[in-house]
Amino acid sequence: MKRGLKLGFGIPLVLLGVFMTIAGIALVVLVGSDGSFTLPATPGTSSGHALVLEALDLSASLPSSGSFAATVGVTVRENDGNGDLFVGIGPAVEVARYLDRVQLDRILQVNWPGGMRTEAEPGTRQPKPPGTQPFWVAKAHGSPATLSWPVAAGDWTLVIMNASGASQVSVIASGSVTLPALGPISIVLLVVGLAVLTGGVLLTISGAKTPSARKGVPPPRPDAPRRGI
């Protein structure tokens, strides 16, 4: 292969290999071999009865089984010794009905690597203990309380409360999203990226070499005298 072709193929392969390798390393670090992405522990407080995260509006086209089916995990533990906690996910309409006219704080944004921005919503009604409600699709109580929910299509709301339903909620919360396919994908991306990078480097080095002069007897000069027979 000519030098120009080697350089023409080698340099783009090096760039592509570097990009794929960096992306593979980043995925391996973020999700590991099991495809689980974990959010750091974040403090959350409410002077009302609940911390509420809405906008879990999921498409009906999401896979419900297999390697591309996601699982959401949420763990909460008490931050000031108020007792057992409750964490649950339920249909948005049912949760809104349950917390109607209840003082609470809505979670507007969860920041990386930690912290959340909330908005207080006034209310005067005392809610019943959340564990007595039948509409939760996933729930847990205790301290810590750990919830695991296979993601399903629909409009959902996440709620964190004291298990008794009392006001003054103070928690340390962490979450995770597991997508099993991401683990193998990250490893394959890393291996292929390293292979492409190696091939590109070899081609580039080969193409960058200056060809050496051929060794041998130089041809006779035109003006050199010819030997007689």
C-alpha atoms as a PDB file:
ATOM      1  CA  MET A   1       0.000   0.000   0.000  1.00  0.00           C
ATOM      2  CA  LYS A   2       1.319   3.458  -0.907  1.00  0.00           C
ATOM      3  CA  ARG A   3       2.364   5.918   1.801  1.00  0.00           C
ATOM      4  CA  GLY A   4      -0.460   8.313   0.978  1.00  0.00           C
ATOM      5  CA  LEU A   5      -3.090   5.601   1.308  1.00  0.00           C
ATOM      6  CA  LYS A   6      -1.616   4.372   4.592  1.00  0.00           C
ATOM      7  CA  LEU A   7      -1.709   7.861   6.066  1.00  0.00           C
ATOM      8  CA  GLY A   8      -5.139   8.520   4.565  1.00  0.00           C
ATOM      9  CA  PHE A   9      -6.576   5.439   6.282  1.00  0.00           C
ATOM     10  CA  GLY A  10      -4.369   5.428   9.381  1.00  0.00           C
ATOM     11  CA  ILE A  11      -5.007   8.930  10.733  1.00  0.00           C
ATOM     12  CA  PRO A  12      -8.843   8.695  10.597  1.00  0.00           C
ATOM     13  CA  LEU A  13      -8.649   5.238  12.199  1.00  0.00           C
ATOM     14  CA  VAL A  14      -6.530   6.657  15.033  1.00  0.00           C
ATOM     15  CA  LEU A  15      -9.081   9.413  15.665  1.00  0.00           C
ATOM     16  CA  LEU A  16     -11.992   6.963  15.508  1.00  0.00           C
ATOM     17  CA  GLY A  17     -10.177   4.524  17.800  1.00  0.00           C
ATOM     18  CA  VAL A  18      -9.417   7.246  20.355  1.00  0.00           C
ATOM     19  CA  PHE A  19     -13.079   8.334  20.393  1.00  0.00           C
ATOM     20  CA  MET A  20     -14.386   4.755  20.747  1.00  0.00           C
ATOM     21  CA  THR A  21     -11.848   3.905  23.458  1.00  0.00           C
ATOM     22  CA  ILE A  22     -12.689   6.997  25.516  1.00  0.00           C
ATOM     23  CA  ALA A  23     -16.420   6.312  25.123  1.00  0.00           C
ATOM     24  CA  GLY A  24     -15.923   2.669  26.135  1.00  0.00           C
ATOM     25  CA  ILE A  25     -13.887   3.599  29.220  1.00  0.00           C
ATOM     26  CA  ALA A  26     -16.483   6.204  30.230  1.00  0.00           C
ATOM     27  CA  LEU A  27     -19.321   3.677  29.906  1.00  0.00           C
ATOM     28  CA  VAL A  28     -17.429   1.011  31.863  1.00  0.00           C
ATOM     29  CA  VAL A  29     -16.719   3.506  34.660  1.00  0.00           C
ATOM     30  CA  LEU A  30     -20.300   4.825  34.740  1.00  0.00           C
ATOM     31  CA  VAL A  31     -22.332   1.623  34.397  1.00  0.00           C
ATOM     32  CA  GLY A  32     -19.903  -1.212  35.172  1.00  0.00           C
ATOM     33  CA  SER A  33     -20.410  -4.715  33.861  1.00  0.00           C
ATOM     34  CA  ASP A  34     -24.054  -4.914  35.006  1.00  0.00           C
ATOM     35  CA  GLY A  35     -25.219  -1.766  33.191  1.00  0.00           C
ATOM     36  CA  SER A  36     -26.167   0.094  36.374  1.00  0.00           C
ATOM     37  CA  PHE A  37     -25.843   3.881  36.616  1.00  0.00           C
ATOM     38  CA  THR A  38     -25.976   5.166  40.207  1.00  0.00           C
ATOM     39  CA  LEU A  39     -26.812   8.687  41.335  1.00  0.00           C
ATOM     40  CA  PRO A  40     -24.935   9.925  44.418  1.00  0.00           C
ATOM     41  CA  ALA A  41     -26.665  10.319  47.778  1.00  0.00           C
ATOM     42  CA  THR A  42     -28.615  13.570  47.928  1.00  0.00           C
ATOM     43  CA  PRO A  43     -30.226  15.231  50.965  1.00  0.00           C
ATOM     44  CA  GLY A  44     -33.857  16.263  50.682  1.00  0.00           C
ATOM     45  CA  THR A  45     -36.156  18.001  53.151  1.00  0.00           C
ATOM     46  CA  SER A  46     -39.753  19.121  53.302  1.00  0.00           C
ATOM     47  CA  SER A  47     -41.559  20.979  56.061  1.00  0.00           C
ATOM     48  CA  GLY A  48     -44.700  19.374  54.676  1.00  0.00           C
ATOM     49  CA  HIS A  49     -45.732  15.729  54.415  1.00  0.00           C
ATOM     50  CA  ALA A  50     -44.000  14.602  51.216  1.00  0.00           C
ATOM     51  CA  LEU A  51     -41.277  15.065  48.641  1.00  0.00           C
ATOM     52  CA  VAL A  52     -42.783  14.495  45.194  1.00  0.00           C
ATOM     53  CA  LEU A  53     -41.015  13.885  41.879  1.00  0.00           C
ATOM     54  CA  GLU A  54     -43.337  14.080  38.896  1.00  0.00           C
ATOM     55  CA  ALA A  55     -42.833  13.944  35.119  1.00  0.00           C
ATOM     56  CA  LEU A  56     -42.085  10.209  34.955  1.00  0.00           C
ATOM     57  CA  ASP A  57     -44.005  10.067  31.676  1.00  0.00           C
ATOM     58  CA  LEU A  58     -42.750   6.950  29.901  1.00  0.00           C
ATOM     59  CA  SER A  59     -43.481   5.889  26.346  1.00  0.00           C
ATOM     60  CA  ALA A  60     -45.505   2.777  25.550  1.00  0.00           C
ATOM     61  CA  SER A  61     -42.716   1.666  23.190  1.00  0.00           C
ATOM     62  CA  LEU A  62     -40.342   0.923  26.076  1.00  0.00           C
ATOM     63  CA  PRO A  63     -39.331  -2.764  26.284  1.00  0.00           C
ATOM     64  CA  SER A  64     -40.690  -4.496  29.377  1.00  0.00           C
ATOM     65  CA  SER A  65     -38.319  -7.470  29.337  1.00  0.00           C
ATOM     66  CA  GLY A  66     -34.906  -8.479  28.056  1.00  0.00           C
ATOM     67  CA  SER A  67     -31.546  -6.721  28.101  1.00  0.00           C
ATOM     68  CA  PHE A  68     -33.039  -3.378  27.096  1.00  0.00           C
ATOM     69  CA  ALA A  69     -35.644  -3.315  29.890  1.00  0.00           C
ATOM     70  CA  ALA A  70     -34.680  -0.734  32.522  1.00  0.00           C
ATOM     71  CA  THR A  71     -35.039  -1.044  36.290  1.00  0.00           C
ATOM     72  CA  VAL A  72     -35.174   1.984  38.587  1.00  0.00           C
ATOM     73  CA  GLY A  73     -33.899   1.735  42.145  1.00  0.00           C
ATOM     74  CA  VAL A  74     -34.433   4.298  44.923  1.00  0.00           C
ATOM     75  CA  THR A  75     -33.021   4.132  48.449  1.00  0.00           C
ATOM     76  CA  VAL A  76     -33.921   6.582  51.230  1.00  0.00           C
ATOM     77  CA  ARG A  77     -32.688   6.753  54.805  1.00  0.00           C
ATOM     78  CA  GLU A  78     -33.558   9.102  57.619  1.00  0.00           C
ATOM     79  CA  ASN A  79     -31.494  12.224  58.053  1.00  0.00           C
ATOM     80  CA  ASP A  80     -32.625  13.368  61.494  1.00  0.00           C
ATOM     81  CA  GLY A  81     -33.929  10.296  63.324  1.00  0.00           C
ATOM     82  CA  ASN A  82     -37.649  10.840  62.723  1.00  0.00           C
ATOM     83  CA  GLY A  83     -38.360   7.126  62.283  1.00  0.00           C
ATOM     84  CA  ASP A  84     -39.349   4.897  59.390  1.00  0.00           C
ATOM     85  CA  LEU A  85     -39.666   6.291  55.892  1.00  0.00           C
ATOM     86  CA  PHE A  86     -41.801   5.410  52.887  1.00  0.00           C
ATOM     87  CA  VAL A  87     -40.889   5.573  49.205  1.00  0.00           C
ATOM     88  CA  GLY A  88     -43.321   4.635  46.466  1.00  0.00           C
ATOM     89  CA  ILE A  89     -44.113   4.997  42.774  1.00  0.00           C
ATOM     90  CA  GLY A  90     -47.716   5.256  41.673  1.00  0.00           C
ATOM     91  CA  PRO A  91     -49.934   6.457  38.827  1.00  0.00           C
ATOM     92  CA  ALA A  92     -49.767  10.254  38.651  1.00  0.00           C
ATOM     93  CA  VAL A  93     -53.559  10.644  38.812  1.00  0.00           C
ATOM     94  CA  GLU A  94     -53.905   8.461  41.924  1.00  0.00           C
ATOM     95  CA  VAL A  95     -50.987  10.148  43.684  1.00  0.00           C
ATOM     96  CA  ALA A  96     -52.403  13.599  42.917  1.00  0.00           C
ATOM     97  CA  ARG A  97     -55.741  12.544  44.392  1.00  0.00           C
ATOM     98  CA  TYR A  98     -54.072  11.124  47.519  1.00  0.00           C
ATOM     99  CA  LEU A  99     -51.993  14.279  48.103  1.00  0.00           C
ATOM    100  CA  ASP A 100     -54.713  16.769  47.195  1.00  0.00           C
ATOM    101  CA  ARG A 101     -54.611  19.789  49.563  1.00  0.00           C
ATOM    102  CA  VAL A 102     -51.628  18.288  51.421  1.00  0.00           C
ATOM    103  CA  GLN A 103     -48.610  20.463  52.198  1.00  0.00           C
ATOM    104  CA  LEU A 104     -45.601  19.089  50.302  1.00  0.00           C
ATOM    105  CA  ASP A 105     -42.493  19.957  48.300  1.00  0.00           C
ATOM    106  CA  ARG A 106     -42.191  19.158  44.605  1.00  0.00           C
ATOM    107  CA  ILE A 107     -38.752  18.163  43.322  1.00  0.00           C
ATOM    108  CA  LEU A 108     -38.034  20.344  40.301  1.00  0.00           C
ATOM    109  CA  GLN A 109     -34.452  19.283  39.612  1.00  0.00           C
ATOM    110  CA  VAL A 110     -31.947  16.712  40.841  1.00  0.00           C
ATOM    111  CA  ASN A 111     -28.407  17.989  40.365  1.00  0.00           C
ATOM    112  CA  TRP A 112     -25.186  16.114  39.638  1.00  0.00           C
ATOM    113  CA  PRO A 113     -23.228  15.169  41.706  1.00  0.00           C
ATOM    114  CA  GLY A 114     -25.782  15.908  44.428  1.00  0.00           C
ATOM    115  CA  GLY A 115     -28.474  18.254  45.678  1.00  0.00           C
ATOM    116  CA  MET A 116     -32.020  18.969  44.609  1.00  0.00           C
ATOM    117  CA  ARG A 117     -34.147  22.027  43.934  1.00  0.00           C
ATOM    118  CA  THR A 118     -37.678  21.957  45.334  1.00  0.00           C
ATOM    119  CA  GLU A 119     -40.788  24.113  45.349  1.00  0.00           C
ATOM    120  CA  ALA A 120     -43.123  24.253  48.345  1.00  0.00           C
ATOM    121  CA  GLU A 121     -46.839  23.704  47.839  1.00  0.00           C
ATOM    122  CA  PRO A 122     -49.174  24.763  50.672  1.00  0.00           C
ATOM    123  CA  GLY A 123     -51.923  22.593  52.091  1.00  0.00           C
ATOM    124  CA  THR A 124     -53.879  21.882  55.253  1.00  0.00           C
ATOM    125  CA  ARG A 125     -55.040  18.270  54.988  1.00  0.00           C
ATOM    126  CA  GLN A 126     -53.388  15.463  56.978  1.00  0.00           C
ATOM    127  CA  PRO A 127     -52.809  12.456  54.660  1.00  0.00           C
ATOM    128  CA  LYS A 128     -53.348   8.867  55.720  1.00  0.00           C
ATOM    129  CA  PRO A 129     -50.190   6.728  56.075  1.00  0.00           C
ATOM    130  CA  PRO A 130     -48.939   6.098  52.529  1.00  0.00           C
ATOM    131  CA  GLY A 131     -48.480   2.368  53.070  1.00  0.00           C
ATOM    132  CA  THR A 132     -52.253   1.941  53.434  1.00  0.00           C
ATOM    133  CA  GLN A 133     -52.898   3.099  49.866  1.00  0.00           C
ATOM    134  CA  PRO A 134     -53.528   0.357  47.261  1.00  0.00           C
ATOM    135  CA  PHE A 135     -52.363   2.111  44.084  1.00  0.00           C
ATOM    136  CA  TRP A 136     -48.567   1.888  44.457  1.00  0.00           C
ATOM    137  CA  VAL A 137     -46.862  -0.163  41.736  1.00  0.00           C
ATOM    138  CA  ALA A 138     -43.666  -0.276  43.809  1.00  0.00           C
ATOM    139  CA  LYS A 139     -43.094   0.691  47.433  1.00  0.00           C
ATOM    140  CA  ALA A 140     -40.800   0.203  50.416  1.00  0.00           C
ATOM    141  CA  HIS A 141     -40.700   1.395  54.005  1.00  0.00           C
ATOM    142  CA  GLY A 142     -38.163   1.423  56.814  1.00  0.00           C
ATOM    143  CA  SER A 143     -34.825   3.149  57.227  1.00  0.00           C
ATOM    144  CA  PRO A 144     -33.229   2.568  54.886  1.00  0.00           C
ATOM    145  CA  ALA A 145     -36.092   1.846  52.502  1.00  0.00           C
ATOM    146  CA  THR A 146     -35.091   0.462  49.105  1.00  0.00           C
ATOM    147  CA  LEU A 147     -37.457   0.322  46.149  1.00  0.00           C
ATOM    148  CA  SER A 148     -36.877  -1.554  42.880  1.00  0.00           C
ATOM    149  CA  TRP A 149     -39.216  -0.943  39.952  1.00  0.00           C
ATOM    150  CA  PRO A 150     -39.106  -2.518  36.462  1.00  0.00           C
ATOM    151  CA  VAL A 151     -39.882   0.478  34.271  1.00  0.00           C
ATOM    152  CA  ALA A 152     -43.287   0.356  32.580  1.00  0.00           C
ATOM    153  CA  ALA A 153     -45.125   2.669  30.219  1.00  0.00           C
ATOM    154  CA  GLY A 154     -47.383   5.250  31.818  1.00  0.00           C
ATOM    155  CA  ASP A 155     -47.451   8.517  33.760  1.00  0.00           C
ATOM    156  CA  TRP A 156     -45.876   7.965  37.169  1.00  0.00           C
ATOM    157  CA  THR A 157     -44.994   9.932  40.302  1.00  0.00           C
ATOM    158  CA  LEU A 158     -42.334   9.170  42.916  1.00  0.00           C
ATOM    159  CA  VAL A 159     -43.242   9.993  46.533  1.00  0.00           C
ATOM    160  CA  ILE A 160     -41.042  10.092  49.656  1.00  0.00           C
ATOM    161  CA  MET A 161     -42.784  10.458  53.026  1.00  0.00           C
ATOM    162  CA  ASN A 162     -42.565   9.533  56.660  1.00  0.00           C
ATOM    163  CA  ALA A 163     -44.164   6.106  57.030  1.00  0.00           C
ATOM    164  CA  SER A 164     -46.707   7.582  59.443  1.00  0.00           C
ATOM    165  CA  GLY A 165     -47.646  10.360  57.026  1.00  0.00           C
ATOM    166  CA  ALA A 166     -46.416  13.011  59.472  1.00  0.00           C
ATOM    167  CA  SER A 167     -44.856  16.287  58.354  1.00  0.00           C
ATOM    168  CA  GLN A 168     -41.163  17.257  58.496  1.00  0.00           C
ATOM    169  CA  VAL A 169     -39.598  14.877  55.990  1.00  0.00           C
ATOM    170  CA  SER A 170     -35.790  14.771  56.026  1.00  0.00           C
ATOM    171  CA  VAL A 171     -33.963  12.102  54.048  1.00  0.00           C
ATOM    172  CA  ILE A 172     -30.788  11.121  52.263  1.00  0.00           C
ATOM    173  CA  ALA A 173     -31.853   9.690  48.905  1.00  0.00           C
ATOM    174  CA  SER A 174     -29.944   7.886  46.178  1.00  0.00           C
ATOM    175  CA  GLY A 175     -31.087   6.333  42.930  1.00  0.00           C
ATOM    176  CA  SER A 176     -29.990   4.012  40.174  1.00  0.00           C
ATOM    177  CA  VAL A 177     -31.029   3.013  36.678  1.00  0.00           C
ATOM    178  CA  THR A 178     -30.048  -0.437  35.427  1.00  0.00           C
ATOM    179  CA  LEU A 179     -30.057  -1.334  31.732  1.00  0.00           C
ATOM    180  CA  PRO A 180     -28.403  -4.777  31.414  1.00  0.00           C
ATOM    181  CA  ALA A 181     -27.461  -4.278  27.757  1.00  0.00           C
ATOM    182  CA  LEU A 182     -25.185  -1.344  28.615  1.00  0.00           C
ATOM    183  CA  GLY A 183     -22.652  -3.579  30.382  1.00  0.00           C
ATOM    184  CA  PRO A 184     -21.747  -5.766  27.366  1.00  0.00           C
ATOM    185  CA  ILE A 185     -22.068  -2.781  25.008  1.00  0.00           C
ATOM    186  CA  SER A 186     -19.491  -0.797  26.991  1.00  0.00           C
ATOM    187  CA  ILE A 187     -17.019  -3.698  26.994  1.00  0.00           C
ATOM    188  CA  VAL A 188     -17.460  -4.381  23.251  1.00  0.00           C
ATOM    189  CA  LEU A 189     -17.058  -0.670  22.491  1.00  0.00           C
ATOM    190  CA  LEU A 190     -13.834  -0.544  24.507  1.00  0.00           C
ATOM    191  CA  VAL A 191     -12.337  -3.669  22.879  1.00  0.00           C
ATOM    192  CA  VAL A 192     -13.258  -2.594  19.333  1.00  0.00           C
ATOM    193  CA  GLY A 193     -11.967   0.918  20.019  1.00  0.00           C
ATOM    194  CA  LEU A 194      -8.595  -0.421  21.160  1.00  0.00           C
ATOM    195  CA  ALA A 195      -8.380  -2.663  18.078  1.00  0.00           C
ATOM    196  CA  VAL A 196      -9.200   0.216  15.708  1.00  0.00           C
ATOM    197  CA  LEU A 197      -6.731   2.485  17.508  1.00  0.00           C
ATOM    198  CA  THR A 198      -3.952  -0.111  17.262  1.00  0.00           C
ATOM    199  CA  GLY A 199      -4.578  -0.683  13.558  1.00  0.00           C
ATOM    200  CA  GLY A 200      -4.644   3.042  12.873  1.00  0.00           C
ATOM    201  CA  VAL A 201      -1.380   3.638  14.741  1.00  0.00           C
ATOM    202  CA  LEU A 202       0.373   0.841  12.838  1.00  0.00           C
ATOM    203  CA  LEU A 203      -0.850   2.156   9.475  1.00  0.00           C
ATOM    204  CA  THR A 204       0.154   5.717  10.337  1.00  0.00           C
ATOM    205  CA  ILE A 205       3.641   4.702  11.476  1.00  0.00           C
ATOM    206  CA  SER A 206       4.129   2.581   8.364  1.00  0.00           C
ATOM    207  CA  GLY A 207       2.978   5.392   6.089  1.00  0.00           C
ATOM    208  CA  ALA A 208       5.139   7.988   7.838  1.00  0.00           C
ATOM    209  CA  LYS A 209       8.374   6.065   7.272  1.00  0.00           C
ATOM    210  CA  THR A 210      10.691   7.538   4.647  1.00  0.00           C
ATOM    211  CA  PRO A 211      11.494   4.903   2.019  1.00  0.00           C
ATOM    212  CA  SER A 212      15.195   3.964   2.092  1.00  0.00           C
ATOM    213  CA  ALA A 213      17.340   4.239  -1.051  1.00  0.00           C
ATOM    214  CA  ARG A 214      17.885   0.992  -2.907  1.00  0.00           C
ATOM    215  CA  LYS A 215      21.282  -0.532  -2.469  1.00  0.00           C
ATOM    216  CA  GLY A 216      23.127  -1.806  -5.539  1.00  0.00           C
ATOM    217  CA  VAL A 217      25.556  -0.942  -8.306  1.00  0.00           C
ATOM    218  CA  PRO A 218      24.736   2.443  -9.864  1.00  0.00           C
ATOM    219  CA  PRO A 219      24.103   2.464 -13.611  1.00  0.00           C
ATOM    220  CA  PRO A 220      27.076   3.504 -15.807  1.00  0.00           C
ATOM    221  CA  ARG A 221      27.441   7.164 -16.645  1.00  0.00           C
ATOM    222  CA  PRO A 222      26.721   8.064 -20.279  1.00  0.00           C
ATOM    223  CA  ASP A 223      30.106   9.753 -20.699  1.00  0.00           C
ATOM    224  CA  ALA A 224      32.078   6.926 -19.110  1.00  0.00           C
ATOM    225  CA  PRO A 225      34.490   5.191 -21.537  1.00  0.00           C
ATOM    226  CA  ARG A 226      33.427   1.756 -22.631  1.00  0.00           C
ATOM    227  CA  ARG A 227      35.687  -1.178 -22.093  1.00  0.00           C
ATOM    228  CA  GLY A 228      36.821  -2.964 -25.166  1.00  0.00           C
ATOM    229  CA  ILE A 229      36.463  -6.648 -25.726  1.00  0.00           C
END
